[in-house]
Amino acid sequence: MTYRRAYEFSVSPPELWDVIGEVDQFEGWWPWLEEFRLEGDSLKEGAVLHGVIAPPLPYRMRIQIELTRCEPPRRIEALIHGDLEGEASLDLRARGTGSGVEVAWTVEMIQRPMRLADRMAHPFLQWGHDRVVEITVAGFRRRLGSAD
């Protein structure tokens, strides 16, 4: 699955980066995230995020996200391991008084049943993926106190 999309937020990149760094709040913002923990003391190169993705579909995926590049407040690059394998990036750019954020990832499902389900019901799995992304963005917007 390949995904690339841009979002706008009403706060500056440094302000948005600070919110992204509130990893202890992630499970509260996003009902799709379970058993979350950070291996390391902050979002920096070498840190590893562990968690379970529980989309609005009857499956769960355990993942580890290894941060391979962090350039506060501009860029994160990561490798994804576990039930998904791939890579991801997040780019923040100043847009007036706010931020433009581009997120991108390419992941492959590793679980055999999920690979089969994707072949047979890709639109359904894409729908679940897109709901998780929408919930993630809405969680950040709520935290920022904006309706961007």
Protein backbone atom coordinates (compact mmCIF):
# COMPACT_ATOMS: atom_id res chain seq x y z
CA MET A 1 0.00 0.00 0.00
CA THR A 2 1.40 3.36 -1.02
CA TYR A 3 0.07 6.58 0.47
CA ARG A 4 1.07 10.22 -0.02
CA ARG A 5 -0.96 13.21 1.09
CA ALA A 6 -0.51 16.80 2.21
CA TYR A 7 -2.29 18.46 5.12
CA GLU A 8 -2.42 22.03 6.41
CA PHE A 9 -2.29 23.02 10.08
CA SER A 10 -2.72 26.46 11.65
CA VAL A 11 0.43 26.29 13.82
CA SER A 12 4.09 26.72 12.90
CA PRO A 13 6.34 23.72 12.24
CA PRO A 14 8.10 24.08 15.64
CA GLU A 15 4.72 24.14 17.44
CA LEU A 16 3.48 21.14 15.47
CA TRP A 17 6.75 19.28 16.12
CA ASP A 18 6.26 19.80 19.86
CA VAL A 19 2.81 18.20 19.65
CA ILE A 20 4.14 15.32 17.56
CA GLY A 21 6.67 14.79 20.36
CA GLU A 22 3.91 14.19 22.94
CA VAL A 23 4.13 10.44 22.35
CA ASP A 24 2.76 9.64 25.81
CA GLN A 25 -0.57 11.11 24.60
CA PHE A 26 -0.91 9.12 21.36
CA GLU A 27 -3.21 6.38 22.68
CA GLY A 28 -5.55 9.03 24.11
CA TRP A 29 -5.74 10.87 20.79
CA TRP A 30 -6.19 7.83 18.58
CA PRO A 31 -8.54 4.98 19.47
CA TRP A 32 -6.92 2.82 16.76
CA LEU A 33 -3.59 2.67 18.65
CA GLU A 34 -3.04 0.13 21.43
CA GLU A 35 -0.12 -1.10 23.53
CA PHE A 36 1.96 1.89 22.48
CA ARG A 37 5.44 2.56 23.84
CA LEU A 38 8.55 4.48 22.85
CA GLU A 39 11.95 2.83 23.07
CA GLY A 40 14.16 5.87 23.66
CA ASP A 41 13.58 9.14 25.44
CA SER A 42 12.19 11.21 22.55
CA LEU A 43 11.55 11.31 18.82
CA LYS A 44 15.10 11.19 17.54
CA GLU A 45 17.18 9.06 15.24
CA GLY A 46 17.41 5.52 16.62
CA ALA A 47 14.20 5.67 18.68
CA VAL A 48 11.68 2.88 18.08
CA LEU A 49 7.91 3.21 18.45
CA HIS A 50 6.02 -0.01 19.24
CA GLY A 51 2.29 -0.47 19.03
CA VAL A 52 -0.75 -2.29 17.75
CA ILE A 53 -2.87 -0.79 14.98
CA ALA A 54 -6.54 -1.62 15.50
CA PRO A 55 -8.50 -0.13 12.58
CA PRO A 56 -12.29 -0.24 12.32
CA LEU A 57 -11.98 -3.69 10.76
CA PRO A 58 -11.63 -7.15 12.36
CA TYR A 59 -7.84 -7.35 12.43
CA ARG A 60 -4.87 -6.05 14.42
CA MET A 61 -1.30 -5.37 13.31
CA ARG A 62 1.76 -5.19 15.55
CA ILE A 63 4.37 -2.78 14.26
CA GLN A 64 7.67 -1.22 15.18
CA ILE A 65 8.64 2.11 13.67
CA GLU A 66 12.38 2.74 13.70
CA LEU A 67 13.24 6.42 13.30
CA THR A 68 16.16 6.55 10.87
CA ARG A 69 16.32 10.31 10.39
CA CYS A 70 14.93 13.15 12.52
CA GLU A 71 15.48 16.80 11.68
CA PRO A 72 13.37 18.88 14.10
CA PRO A 73 11.12 20.58 13.13
CA ARG A 74 11.29 19.53 9.48
CA ARG A 75 11.52 15.83 8.73
CA ILE A 76 11.18 12.29 10.03
CA GLU A 77 12.11 9.17 8.08
CA ALA A 78 11.35 5.71 9.40
CA LEU A 79 11.46 2.01 8.67
CA ILE A 80 8.39 -0.02 9.56
CA HIS A 81 8.67 -3.62 10.75
CA GLY A 82 6.35 -6.28 12.13
CA ASP A 83 3.01 -7.13 10.54
CA LEU A 84 3.75 -4.33 8.08
CA GLU A 85 7.11 -3.79 6.38
CA GLY A 86 8.10 -0.63 4.61
CA GLU A 87 9.19 2.95 4.97
CA ALA A 88 7.57 6.24 5.84
CA SER A 89 8.33 9.95 5.96
CA LEU A 90 6.83 13.11 7.38
CA ASP A 91 7.83 16.55 6.07
CA LEU A 92 6.84 19.83 7.72
CA ARG A 93 7.09 23.17 5.90
CA ALA A 94 6.16 26.68 6.96
CA ARG A 95 3.03 27.95 5.18
CA GLY A 96 2.39 31.53 6.21
CA THR A 97 1.78 31.36 9.95
CA GLY A 98 0.94 27.65 9.75
CA SER A 99 2.41 24.41 8.48
CA GLY A 100 2.11 22.22 5.45
CA VAL A 101 2.70 18.57 6.24
CA GLU A 102 3.32 15.84 3.71
CA VAL A 103 3.10 12.25 4.87
CA ALA A 104 4.11 9.31 2.73
CA TRP A 105 4.57 5.60 3.21
CA THR A 106 4.87 2.40 1.30
CA VAL A 107 4.08 -0.71 3.31
CA GLU A 108 3.48 -4.34 2.59
CA MET A 109 1.28 -6.55 4.73
CA ILE A 110 3.24 -9.49 6.08
CA GLN A 111 0.42 -11.54 7.64
CA ARG A 112 -0.65 -14.18 5.12
CA PRO A 113 -4.40 -13.77 5.88
CA MET A 114 -4.11 -10.00 5.42
CA ARG A 115 -2.28 -10.39 2.11
CA LEU A 116 -5.09 -12.65 0.89
CA ALA A 117 -7.75 -10.25 2.20
CA ASP A 118 -6.03 -7.38 0.40
CA ARG A 119 -6.16 -9.28 -2.89
CA MET A 120 -9.81 -10.13 -2.45
CA ALA A 121 -11.14 -7.00 -0.74
CA HIS A 122 -8.64 -4.20 -1.37
CA PRO A 123 -11.28 -1.42 -1.35
CA PHE A 124 -12.42 -2.56 2.11
CA LEU A 125 -8.87 -2.55 3.51
CA GLN A 126 -8.15 0.79 1.83
CA TRP A 127 -11.28 2.17 3.51
CA GLY A 128 -9.99 0.99 6.93
CA HIS A 129 -6.58 2.51 6.24
CA ASP A 130 -8.09 5.83 5.20
CA ARG A 131 -10.27 5.95 8.36
CA VAL A 132 -7.15 5.46 10.53
CA VAL A 133 -5.44 8.35 8.70
CA GLU A 134 -8.52 10.60 9.09
CA ILE A 135 -8.71 9.80 12.82
CA THR A 136 -4.99 10.56 13.18
CA VAL A 137 -5.26 13.96 11.52
CA ALA A 138 -8.42 14.79 13.50
CA GLY A 139 -6.61 13.86 16.72
CA PHE A 140 -3.83 16.32 15.95
CA ARG A 141 -6.35 19.02 15.03
CA ARG A 142 -8.22 18.50 18.33
CA ARG A 143 -4.95 18.68 20.28
CA LEU A 144 -4.07 21.89 18.47
CA GLY A 145 -7.52 23.29 19.26
CA SER A 146 -8.23 24.02 15.61
CA ALA A 147 -10.73 22.97 12.99
CA ASP A 148 -8.27 23.27 10.08
